[in-house]
Amino acid sequence: MTPRGETRERVLRTAADLFQRQGYHGTGLNQVLAESGAPKGSLYFHFPDGKEQLASESVALSGRAVGEALTEAVLAAPDARAGLAAMGEHFARSLRESGYSKGCPVATVALETAAESETIRAACDDVYAGWQRGIAAALRGWGVQDERAEPLAALVLSSLQGAVMLARVQRDASVIHRVTTQLADLI
């Protein structure tokens, strides 16, 4: 018998992967259960508020994982140019490794649900806010003045998100590298 926490974690990870690839509306609960190997009754046991709760928690899980990876990349970078390139490469590598089937784990869900679900919108907002705070902190560490750090972090985040979307549609990650180079020139 699988421990309770393992089943919940497996369902969350499976849902996060499916939402990232297929979006919120393209992912059914039966598919999540089938691909996770979880028993049918476990979904509402672990996620009593259903698909909306599953989506918001999976976005938070994916967001933390990406945030940790971006933090690692930034901490290893000696300057803003290298740090921005490393952030871009994280997203580019993820796209290439998935055959361009996975975009940003937050954007895919946010684009579909932000207007219809406050719970999911708030989860997406929390993730983006965390990433933006991390980028602002990195910028400060690279010598950007405090009053410029937050606006530049918003620019970096929104530019990267747009570049990821373009790269996914074009099936070519080079746009991400061009955007991070331009951002580095601005900073």
N, C-alpha and C. Protein backbone atom coordinates (compact mmCIF):
# COMPACT_ATOMS: atom_id res chain seq x y z
N MET A 1 0.83 -1.18 0.00
CA MET A 1 0.00 0.00 0.00
C MET A 1 0.88 1.25 0.00
N THR A 2 0.55 2.21 -0.84
CA THR A 2 1.31 3.44 -0.96
C THR A 2 0.98 4.39 0.17
N PRO A 3 1.99 4.95 0.82
CA PRO A 3 1.71 5.93 1.87
C PRO A 3 0.92 7.11 1.31
N ARG A 4 0.09 7.67 2.16
CA ARG A 4 -0.83 8.74 1.79
C ARG A 4 -0.14 9.91 1.10
N GLY A 5 0.97 10.36 1.63
CA GLY A 5 1.68 11.51 1.07
C GLY A 5 2.27 11.24 -0.30
N GLU A 6 2.69 9.99 -0.53
CA GLU A 6 3.27 9.64 -1.82
C GLU A 6 2.23 9.74 -2.94
N THR A 7 1.04 9.26 -2.68
CA THR A 7 -0.02 9.33 -3.69
C THR A 7 -0.34 10.78 -4.01
N ARG A 8 -0.49 11.59 -3.00
CA ARG A 8 -0.81 13.00 -3.21
C ARG A 8 0.29 13.68 -4.03
N GLU A 9 1.54 13.43 -3.67
CA GLU A 9 2.67 14.02 -4.38
C GLU A 9 2.72 13.55 -5.84
N ARG A 10 2.47 12.28 -6.06
CA ARG A 10 2.48 11.73 -7.42
C ARG A 10 1.37 12.36 -8.27
N VAL A 11 0.19 12.52 -7.70
CA VAL A 11 -0.92 13.16 -8.41
C VAL A 11 -0.57 14.61 -8.73
N LEU A 12 0.00 15.32 -7.77
CA LEU A 12 0.39 16.71 -7.99
C LEU A 12 1.42 16.84 -9.10
N ARG A 13 2.45 16.01 -9.07
CA ARG A 13 3.50 16.08 -10.09
C ARG A 13 2.96 15.72 -11.48
N THR A 14 2.11 14.71 -11.52
CA THR A 14 1.51 14.33 -12.80
C THR A 14 0.64 15.46 -13.33
N ALA A 15 -0.18 16.05 -12.46
CA ALA A 15 -1.04 17.15 -12.88
C ALA A 15 -0.21 18.33 -13.34
N ALA A 16 0.86 18.64 -12.63
CA ALA A 16 1.72 19.76 -13.01
C ALA A 16 2.28 19.55 -14.41
N ASP A 17 2.73 18.35 -14.69
CA ASP A 17 3.28 18.03 -16.01
C ASP A 17 2.19 18.16 -17.09
N LEU A 18 1.04 17.60 -16.83
CA LEU A 18 -0.05 17.65 -17.81
C LEU A 18 -0.55 19.07 -18.03
N PHE A 19 -0.72 19.84 -16.97
CA PHE A 19 -1.17 21.23 -17.12
C PHE A 19 -0.14 22.04 -17.91
N GLN A 20 1.13 21.77 -17.68
CA GLN A 20 2.18 22.49 -18.39
C GLN A 20 2.16 22.16 -19.89
N ARG A 21 1.90 20.91 -20.22
CA ARG A 21 1.88 20.50 -21.63
C ARG A 21 0.56 20.80 -22.32
N GLN A 22 -0.54 20.55 -21.63
CA GLN A 22 -1.85 20.58 -22.26
C GLN A 22 -2.74 21.73 -21.84
N GLY A 23 -2.35 22.42 -20.79
CA GLY A 23 -3.19 23.49 -20.26
C GLY A 23 -4.23 22.94 -19.30
N TYR A 24 -4.94 23.86 -18.69
CA TYR A 24 -5.94 23.50 -17.69
C TYR A 24 -7.13 22.79 -18.33
N HIS A 25 -7.67 23.39 -19.37
CA HIS A 25 -8.88 22.83 -19.98
C HIS A 25 -8.59 21.56 -20.79
N GLY A 26 -7.36 21.40 -21.24
CA GLY A 26 -7.00 20.22 -22.01
C GLY A 26 -6.65 19.02 -21.16
N THR A 27 -6.64 19.19 -19.85
CA THR A 27 -6.27 18.12 -18.94
C THR A 27 -7.48 17.68 -18.14
N GLY A 28 -7.81 16.42 -18.24
CA GLY A 28 -8.93 15.87 -17.50
C GLY A 28 -8.47 15.16 -16.23
N LEU A 29 -9.35 15.13 -15.26
CA LEU A 29 -9.02 14.46 -14.00
C LEU A 29 -8.79 12.97 -14.19
N ASN A 30 -9.54 12.34 -15.08
CA ASN A 30 -9.34 10.91 -15.33
C ASN A 30 -7.95 10.66 -15.91
N GLN A 31 -7.46 11.57 -16.75
CA GLN A 31 -6.12 11.43 -17.29
C GLN A 31 -5.07 11.58 -16.19
N VAL A 32 -5.28 12.53 -15.29
CA VAL A 32 -4.35 12.71 -14.17
C VAL A 32 -4.28 11.43 -13.34
N LEU A 33 -5.43 10.86 -13.04
CA LEU A 33 -5.47 9.63 -12.25
C LEU A 33 -4.81 8.48 -13.00
N ALA A 34 -5.12 8.34 -14.27
CA ALA A 34 -4.56 7.24 -15.06
C ALA A 34 -3.03 7.35 -15.15
N GLU A 35 -2.53 8.54 -15.44
CA GLU A 35 -1.09 8.69 -15.62
C GLU A 35 -0.32 8.67 -14.30
N SER A 36 -0.99 9.03 -13.22
CA SER A 36 -0.32 8.99 -11.91
C SER A 36 -0.42 7.60 -11.27
N GLY A 37 -1.35 6.79 -11.77
CA GLY A 37 -1.56 5.47 -11.18
C GLY A 37 -2.26 5.53 -9.84
N ALA A 38 -2.89 6.63 -9.56
CA ALA A 38 -3.57 6.81 -8.27
C ALA A 38 -4.97 6.21 -8.33
N PRO A 39 -5.44 5.67 -7.21
CA PRO A 39 -6.81 5.15 -7.18
C PRO A 39 -7.83 6.27 -7.39
N LYS A 40 -8.93 5.93 -8.01
CA LYS A 40 -9.95 6.92 -8.37
C LYS A 40 -10.42 7.76 -7.18
N GLY A 41 -10.65 7.16 -6.06
CA GLY A 41 -11.15 7.89 -4.90
C GLY A 41 -10.14 8.81 -4.26
N SER A 42 -8.88 8.68 -4.64
CA SER A 42 -7.84 9.47 -3.99
C SER A 42 -7.88 10.94 -4.38
N LEU A 43 -8.38 11.24 -5.57
CA LEU A 43 -8.36 12.62 -6.03
C LEU A 43 -9.13 13.55 -5.10
N TYR A 44 -10.37 13.24 -4.83
CA TYR A 44 -11.17 14.12 -3.97
C TYR A 44 -10.83 13.95 -2.50
N PHE A 45 -10.17 12.85 -2.15
CA PHE A 45 -9.68 12.69 -0.79
C PHE A 45 -8.55 13.70 -0.54
N HIS A 46 -7.61 13.76 -1.49
CA HIS A 46 -6.46 14.67 -1.35
C HIS A 46 -6.76 16.10 -1.79
N PHE A 47 -7.70 16.25 -2.71
CA PHE A 47 -8.02 17.56 -3.27
C PHE A 47 -9.54 17.74 -3.23
N PRO A 48 -10.09 18.00 -2.05
CA PRO A 48 -11.55 18.06 -1.91
C PRO A 48 -12.21 19.16 -2.75
N ASP A 49 -11.45 20.19 -3.12
CA ASP A 49 -12.01 21.25 -3.95
C ASP A 49 -11.83 20.96 -5.44
N GLY A 50 -11.39 19.76 -5.77
CA GLY A 50 -11.34 19.30 -7.15
C GLY A 50 -10.22 19.85 -7.99
N LYS A 51 -10.52 19.99 -9.26
CA LYS A 51 -9.51 20.36 -10.26
C LYS A 51 -8.90 21.73 -9.98
N GLU A 52 -9.70 22.66 -9.51
CA GLU A 52 -9.19 24.00 -9.21
C GLU A 52 -8.10 23.94 -8.14
N GLN A 53 -8.33 23.18 -7.08
CA GLN A 53 -7.33 23.03 -6.03
C GLN A 53 -6.11 22.31 -6.56
N LEU A 54 -6.33 21.26 -7.33
CA LEU A 54 -5.22 20.50 -7.92
C LEU A 54 -4.36 21.42 -8.80
N ALA A 55 -5.00 22.25 -9.60
CA ALA A 55 -4.26 23.16 -10.48
C ALA A 55 -3.48 24.20 -9.68
N SER A 56 -4.11 24.80 -8.70
CA SER A 56 -3.41 25.84 -7.94
C SER A 56 -2.23 25.27 -7.18
N GLU A 57 -2.40 24.08 -6.60
CA GLU A 57 -1.28 23.47 -5.88
C GLU A 57 -0.19 22.98 -6.82
N SER A 58 -0.56 22.50 -8.00
CA SER A 58 0.46 22.04 -8.94
C SER A 58 1.24 23.21 -9.53
N VAL A 59 0.56 24.35 -9.75
CA VAL A 59 1.26 25.56 -10.21
C VAL A 59 2.26 26.01 -9.15
N ALA A 60 1.84 25.98 -7.89
CA ALA A 60 2.75 26.36 -6.80
C ALA A 60 3.96 25.42 -6.74
N LEU A 61 3.71 24.13 -6.88
CA LEU A 61 4.80 23.14 -6.86
C LEU A 61 5.77 23.38 -8.02
N SER A 62 5.25 23.50 -9.22
CA SER A 62 6.09 23.75 -10.40
C SER A 62 6.82 25.08 -10.27
N GLY A 63 6.12 26.08 -9.78
CA GLY A 63 6.72 27.39 -9.62
C GLY A 63 7.89 27.38 -8.66
N ARG A 64 7.74 26.64 -7.56
CA ARG A 64 8.85 26.53 -6.61
C ARG A 64 10.05 25.85 -7.26
N ALA A 65 9.79 24.79 -8.02
CA ALA A 65 10.88 24.06 -8.67
C ALA A 65 11.62 24.96 -9.67
N VAL A 66 10.88 25.69 -10.48
CA VAL A 66 11.52 26.60 -11.43
C VAL A 66 12.25 27.71 -10.68
N GLY A 67 11.63 28.26 -9.66
CA GLY A 67 12.27 29.31 -8.86
C GLY A 67 13.59 28.85 -8.26
N GLU A 68 13.62 27.63 -7.76
CA GLU A 68 14.86 27.07 -7.20
C GLU A 68 15.92 26.91 -8.28
N ALA A 69 15.53 26.43 -9.46
CA ALA A 69 16.47 26.27 -10.56
C ALA A 69 17.02 27.62 -11.02
N LEU A 70 16.14 28.63 -11.10
CA LEU A 70 16.60 29.96 -11.49
C LEU A 70 17.54 30.55 -10.45
N THR A 71 17.23 30.33 -9.18
CA THR A 71 18.10 30.82 -8.11
C THR A 71 19.48 30.20 -8.22
N GLU A 72 19.53 28.89 -8.44
CA GLU A 72 20.83 28.21 -8.62
C GLU A 72 21.61 28.82 -9.77
N ALA A 73 20.92 29.03 -10.89
CA ALA A 73 21.58 29.57 -12.08
C ALA A 73 22.12 30.97 -11.80
N VAL A 74 21.33 31.78 -11.14
CA VAL A 74 21.72 33.16 -10.86
C VAL A 74 22.87 33.21 -9.85
N LEU A 75 22.82 32.38 -8.83
CA LEU A 75 23.88 32.39 -7.82
C LEU A 75 25.23 31.98 -8.40
N ALA A 76 25.20 31.16 -9.43
CA ALA A 76 26.45 30.71 -10.04
C ALA A 76 27.01 31.73 -11.03
N ALA A 77 26.22 32.75 -11.35
CA ALA A 77 26.62 33.73 -12.37
C ALA A 77 27.44 34.87 -11.76
N PRO A 78 28.52 35.25 -12.40
CA PRO A 78 29.36 36.33 -11.87
C PRO A 78 28.81 37.73 -12.11
N ASP A 79 27.91 37.88 -13.10
CA ASP A 79 27.40 39.20 -13.42
C ASP A 79 26.02 39.07 -14.06
N ALA A 80 25.42 40.23 -14.33
CA ALA A 80 24.06 40.24 -14.87
C ALA A 80 23.97 39.55 -16.23
N ARG A 81 24.94 39.78 -17.09
CA ARG A 81 24.91 39.16 -18.42
C ARG A 81 24.88 37.64 -18.30
N ALA A 82 25.76 37.10 -17.49
CA ALA A 82 25.81 35.64 -17.31
C ALA A 82 24.56 35.13 -16.59
N GLY A 83 24.06 35.90 -15.64
CA GLY A 83 22.87 35.48 -14.90
C GLY A 83 21.64 35.45 -15.78
N LEU A 84 21.46 36.47 -16.59
CA LEU A 84 20.32 36.49 -17.51
C LEU A 84 20.44 35.36 -18.54
N ALA A 85 21.64 35.14 -19.03
CA ALA A 85 21.85 34.04 -19.98
C ALA A 85 21.51 32.70 -19.33
N ALA A 86 21.89 32.54 -18.07
CA ALA A 86 21.61 31.28 -17.36
C ALA A 86 20.11 31.09 -17.15
N MET A 87 19.40 32.17 -16.81
CA MET A 87 17.94 32.06 -16.67
C MET A 87 17.31 31.68 -18.00
N GLY A 88 17.73 32.35 -19.05
CA GLY A 88 17.20 32.03 -20.37
C GLY A 88 17.50 30.60 -20.77
N GLU A 89 18.71 30.16 -20.49
CA GLU A 89 19.09 28.79 -20.85
C GLU A 89 18.26 27.76 -20.08
N HIS A 90 17.89 28.07 -18.85
CA HIS A 90 17.02 27.14 -18.10
C HIS A 90 15.73 26.90 -18.88
N PHE A 91 15.08 27.97 -19.31
CA PHE A 91 13.82 27.83 -20.05
C PHE A 91 14.05 27.20 -21.43
N ALA A 92 15.13 27.59 -22.10
CA ALA A 92 15.43 27.04 -23.43
C ALA A 92 15.68 25.54 -23.35
N ARG A 93 16.44 25.11 -22.36
CA ARG A 93 16.73 23.69 -22.18
C ARG A 93 15.44 22.90 -21.91
N SER A 94 14.59 23.44 -21.07
CA SER A 94 13.32 22.78 -20.76
C SER A 94 12.48 22.61 -22.02
N LEU A 95 12.44 23.64 -22.85
CA LEU A 95 11.70 23.56 -24.10
C LEU A 95 12.30 22.50 -25.03
N ARG A 96 13.60 22.56 -25.21
CA ARG A 96 14.26 21.60 -26.12
C ARG A 96 14.07 20.17 -25.64
N GLU A 97 14.28 19.95 -24.33
CA GLU A 97 14.16 18.59 -23.78
C GLU A 97 12.75 18.03 -23.90
N SER A 98 11.76 18.89 -23.92
CA SER A 98 10.37 18.43 -24.03
C SER A 98 9.89 18.39 -25.48
N GLY A 99 10.78 18.66 -26.42
CA GLY A 99 10.36 18.73 -27.80
C GLY A 99 9.39 19.89 -28.03
N TYR A 100 9.55 20.95 -27.24
CA TYR A 100 8.72 22.15 -27.30
C TYR A 100 7.27 21.88 -26.90
N SER A 101 7.05 20.81 -26.16
CA SER A 101 5.69 20.53 -25.71
C SER A 101 5.38 21.17 -24.36
N LYS A 102 6.42 21.59 -23.63
CA LYS A 102 6.22 22.23 -22.33
C LYS A 102 6.71 23.66 -22.37
N GLY A 103 5.81 24.57 -22.05
CA GLY A 103 6.20 25.96 -21.92
C GLY A 103 6.46 26.26 -20.45
N CYS A 104 6.16 27.45 -20.05
CA CYS A 104 6.27 27.82 -18.65
C CYS A 104 5.14 27.14 -17.88
N PRO A 105 5.45 26.51 -16.75
CA PRO A 105 4.41 25.81 -16.00
C PRO A 105 3.34 26.72 -15.41
N VAL A 106 3.63 27.99 -15.33
CA VAL A 106 2.67 28.94 -14.79
C VAL A 106 1.85 29.57 -15.91
N ALA A 107 2.53 30.03 -16.95
CA ALA A 107 1.85 30.75 -18.03
C ALA A 107 0.79 29.90 -18.71
N THR A 108 1.07 28.64 -18.93
CA THR A 108 0.13 27.77 -19.63
C THR A 108 -1.21 27.75 -18.92
N VAL A 109 -1.17 27.65 -17.60
CA VAL A 109 -2.40 27.62 -16.80
C VAL A 109 -2.97 29.04 -16.63
N ALA A 110 -2.11 30.00 -16.40
CA ALA A 110 -2.57 31.38 -16.15
C ALA A 110 -3.33 31.95 -17.34
N LEU A 111 -2.83 31.70 -18.53
CA LEU A 111 -3.48 32.25 -19.72
C LEU A 111 -4.91 31.75 -19.86
N GLU A 112 -5.17 30.53 -19.45
CA GLU A 112 -6.51 29.95 -19.58
C GLU A 112 -7.44 30.30 -18.44
N THR A 113 -6.92 30.47 -17.24
CA THR A 113 -7.79 30.48 -16.07
C THR A 113 -7.82 31.77 -15.25
N ALA A 114 -6.90 32.70 -15.50
CA ALA A 114 -6.79 33.88 -14.63
C ALA A 114 -8.11 34.66 -14.54
N ALA A 115 -8.88 34.68 -15.60
CA ALA A 115 -10.13 35.44 -15.59
C ALA A 115 -11.29 34.66 -14.97
N GLU A 116 -11.14 33.36 -14.83
CA GLU A 116 -12.28 32.57 -14.35
C GLU A 116 -12.09 31.92 -12.98
N SER A 117 -10.87 31.90 -12.48
CA SER A 117 -10.64 31.27 -11.17
C SER A 117 -9.71 32.14 -10.33
N GLU A 118 -10.26 32.71 -9.29
CA GLU A 118 -9.45 33.53 -8.39
C GLU A 118 -8.40 32.69 -7.69
N THR A 119 -8.74 31.47 -7.35
CA THR A 119 -7.79 30.57 -6.66
C THR A 119 -6.56 30.31 -7.52
N ILE A 120 -6.78 29.97 -8.77
CA ILE A 120 -5.65 29.67 -9.66
C ILE A 120 -4.91 30.96 -10.01
N ARG A 121 -5.64 32.04 -10.25
CA ARG A 121 -5.00 33.32 -10.54
C ARG A 121 -4.06 33.72 -9.41
N ALA A 122 -4.53 33.56 -8.17
CA ALA A 122 -3.71 33.92 -7.01
C ALA A 122 -2.47 33.04 -6.90
N ALA A 123 -2.62 31.75 -7.21
CA ALA A 123 -1.46 30.84 -7.17
C ALA A 123 -0.43 31.26 -8.21
N CYS A 124 -0.90 31.59 -9.42
CA CYS A 124 0.01 32.04 -10.47
C CYS A 124 0.68 33.35 -10.08
N ASP A 125 -0.09 34.27 -9.52
CA ASP A 125 0.45 35.55 -9.09
C ASP A 125 1.52 35.37 -8.02
N ASP A 126 1.28 34.48 -7.07
CA ASP A 126 2.27 34.21 -6.02
C ASP A 126 3.58 33.71 -6.60
N VAL A 127 3.48 32.80 -7.57
CA VAL A 127 4.70 32.27 -8.19
C VAL A 127 5.45 33.38 -8.92
N TYR A 128 4.74 34.11 -9.75
CA TYR A 128 5.39 35.19 -10.50
C TYR A 128 5.99 36.24 -9.56
N ALA A 129 5.28 36.58 -8.49
CA ALA A 129 5.80 37.56 -7.53
C ALA A 129 7.10 37.04 -6.90
N GLY A 130 7.14 35.76 -6.57
CA GLY A 130 8.36 35.18 -6.01
C GLY A 130 9.52 35.23 -6.99
N TRP A 131 9.25 34.89 -8.24
CA TRP A 131 10.30 34.95 -9.26
C TRP A 131 10.79 36.38 -9.44
N GLN A 132 9.85 37.32 -9.46
CA GLN A 132 10.22 38.72 -9.66
C GLN A 132 11.06 39.23 -8.49
N ARG A 133 10.69 38.85 -7.27
CA ARG A 133 11.51 39.26 -6.10
C ARG A 133 12.92 38.67 -6.22
N GLY A 134 13.02 37.43 -6.65
CA GLY A 134 14.33 36.80 -6.81
C GLY A 134 15.16 37.48 -7.87
N ILE A 135 14.54 37.84 -8.98
CA ILE A 135 15.26 38.55 -10.04
C ILE A 135 15.71 39.92 -9.55
N ALA A 136 14.84 40.62 -8.82
CA ALA A 136 15.20 41.94 -8.28
C ALA A 136 16.38 41.81 -7.32
N ALA A 137 16.36 40.79 -6.48
CA ALA A 137 17.48 40.59 -5.55
C ALA A 137 18.78 40.31 -6.31
N ALA A 138 18.69 39.51 -7.36
CA ALA A 138 19.88 39.22 -8.17
C ALA A 138 20.40 40.50 -8.82
N LEU A 139 19.48 41.30 -9.35
CA LEU A 139 19.90 42.56 -9.97
C LEU A 139 20.62 43.46 -8.97
N ARG A 140 20.07 43.55 -7.77
CA ARG A 140 20.74 44.35 -6.73
C ARG A 140 22.14 43.80 -6.45
N GLY A 141 22.23 42.48 -6.41
CA GLY A 141 23.53 41.84 -6.18
C GLY A 141 24.54 42.12 -7.29
N TRP A 142 24.03 42.39 -8.49
CA TRP A 142 24.90 42.72 -9.62
C TRP A 142 25.12 44.21 -9.75
N GLY A 143 24.70 44.97 -8.73
CA GLY A 143 25.00 46.39 -8.71
C GLY A 143 23.91 47.32 -9.22
N VAL A 144 22.74 46.80 -9.55
CA VAL A 144 21.65 47.66 -10.00
C VAL A 144 21.10 48.41 -8.78
N GLN A 145 20.86 49.70 -8.93
CA GLN A 145 20.35 50.51 -7.84
C GLN A 145 18.96 50.03 -7.41
N ASP A 146 18.67 50.18 -6.12
CA ASP A 146 17.40 49.71 -5.56
C ASP A 146 16.18 50.19 -6.33
N GLU A 147 16.14 51.48 -6.67
CA GLU A 147 14.94 52.01 -7.33
C GLU A 147 14.75 51.47 -8.74
N ARG A 148 15.79 50.93 -9.34
CA ARG A 148 15.68 50.34 -10.69
C ARG A 148 15.45 48.83 -10.64
N ALA A 149 15.75 48.21 -9.53
CA ALA A 149 15.72 46.74 -9.46
C ALA A 149 14.33 46.16 -9.70
N GLU A 150 13.32 46.69 -9.05
CA GLU A 150 11.96 46.14 -9.21
C GLU A 150 11.42 46.34 -10.62
N PRO A 151 11.48 47.55 -11.17
CA PRO A 151 10.99 47.71 -12.55
C PRO A 151 11.76 46.86 -13.55
N LEU A 152 13.07 46.76 -13.38
CA LEU A 152 13.86 45.92 -14.29
C LEU A 152 13.52 44.44 -14.11
N ALA A 153 13.24 44.02 -12.88
CA ALA A 153 12.85 42.63 -12.64
C ALA A 153 11.55 42.31 -13.36
N ALA A 154 10.60 43.25 -13.34
CA ALA A 154 9.34 43.06 -14.07
C ALA A 154 9.60 42.97 -15.57
N LEU A 155 10.50 43.79 -16.07
CA LEU A 155 10.86 43.75 -17.49
C LEU A 155 11.51 42.41 -17.85
N VAL A 156 12.43 41.97 -17.02
CA VAL A 156 13.12 40.69 -17.27
C VAL A 156 12.12 39.55 -17.27
N LEU A 157 11.29 39.50 -16.26
CA LEU A 157 10.33 38.40 -16.15
C LEU A 157 9.35 38.40 -17.32
N SER A 158 8.78 39.55 -17.63
CA SER A 158 7.80 39.58 -18.73
C SER A 158 8.48 39.31 -20.07
N SER A 159 9.69 39.77 -20.25
CA SER A 159 10.41 39.50 -21.49
C SER A 159 10.73 38.02 -21.63
N LEU A 160 11.19 37.42 -20.55
CA LEU A 160 11.47 35.97 -20.58
C LEU A 160 10.21 35.17 -20.86
N GLN A 161 9.10 35.55 -20.23
CA GLN A 161 7.85 34.83 -20.45
C GLN A 161 7.41 34.94 -21.91
N GLY A 162 7.52 36.12 -22.47
CA GLY A 162 7.18 36.29 -23.88
C GLY A 162 8.11 35.51 -24.79
N ALA A 163 9.39 35.51 -24.46
CA ALA A 163 10.37 34.77 -25.26
C ALA A 163 10.10 33.27 -25.20
N VAL A 164 9.71 32.77 -24.03
CA VAL A 164 9.39 31.34 -23.91
C VAL A 164 8.19 31.00 -24.79
N MET A 165 7.20 31.87 -24.79
CA MET A 165 6.02 31.61 -25.62
C MET A 165 6.39 31.61 -27.11
N LEU A 166 7.17 32.61 -27.53
CA LEU A 166 7.60 32.67 -28.92
C LEU A 166 8.44 31.44 -29.29
N ALA A 167 9.35 31.06 -28.41
CA ALA A 167 10.20 29.90 -28.68
C ALA A 167 9.38 28.64 -28.82
N ARG A 168 8.37 28.50 -28.00
CA ARG A 168 7.51 27.31 -28.07
C ARG A 168 6.74 27.28 -29.39
N VAL A 169 6.20 28.41 -29.78
CA VAL A 169 5.44 28.49 -31.02
C VAL A 169 6.35 28.31 -32.24
N GLN A 170 7.53 28.93 -32.19
CA GLN A 170 8.47 28.85 -33.32
C GLN A 170 9.29 27.57 -33.33
N ARG A 171 9.23 26.84 -32.20
CA ARG A 171 10.02 25.62 -32.02
C ARG A 171 11.51 25.92 -32.22
N ASP A 172 11.93 27.03 -31.61
CA ASP A 172 13.30 27.50 -31.74
C ASP A 172 13.63 28.36 -30.52
N ALA A 173 14.53 27.89 -29.70
CA ALA A 173 14.85 28.59 -28.45
C ALA A 173 15.79 29.77 -28.64
N SER A 174 16.25 30.02 -29.85
CA SER A 174 17.20 31.11 -30.04
C SER A 174 16.61 32.47 -29.67
N VAL A 175 15.31 32.63 -29.79
CA VAL A 175 14.68 33.90 -29.41
C VAL A 175 14.92 34.19 -27.93
N ILE A 176 14.97 33.17 -27.10
CA ILE A 176 15.22 33.38 -25.67
C ILE A 176 16.62 33.96 -25.48
N HIS A 177 17.58 33.44 -26.20
CA HIS A 177 18.96 33.93 -26.08
C HIS A 177 19.10 35.36 -26.61
N ARG A 178 18.38 35.66 -27.68
CA ARG A 178 18.42 37.04 -28.20
C ARG A 178 17.80 38.00 -27.18
N VAL A 179 16.72 37.61 -26.56
CA VAL A 179 16.06 38.47 -25.56
C VAL A 179 16.95 38.68 -24.34
N THR A 180 17.58 37.62 -23.84
CA THR A 180 18.43 37.79 -22.65
C THR A 180 19.66 38.65 -22.98
N THR A 181 20.16 38.57 -24.19
CA THR A 181 21.27 39.42 -24.60
C THR A 181 20.84 40.89 -24.63
N GLN A 182 19.67 41.16 -25.17
CA GLN A 182 19.15 42.53 -25.21
C GLN A 182 18.90 43.06 -23.79
N LEU A 183 18.35 42.21 -22.93
CA LEU A 183 18.12 42.62 -21.55
C LEU A 183 19.43 42.96 -20.85
N ALA A 184 20.43 42.13 -21.07
CA ALA A 184 21.74 42.39 -20.46
C ALA A 184 22.31 43.72 -20.93
N ASP A 185 22.11 44.04 -22.20
CA ASP A 185 22.59 45.32 -22.73
C ASP A 185 21.88 46.49 -22.03
N LEU A 186 20.59 46.33 -21.72
CA LEU A 186 19.84 47.37 -21.03
C LEU A 186 20.30 47.56 -19.58
N ILE A 187 20.65 46.47 -18.96
CA ILE A 187 21.01 46.50 -17.55
C ILE A 187 22.44 46.96 -17.38
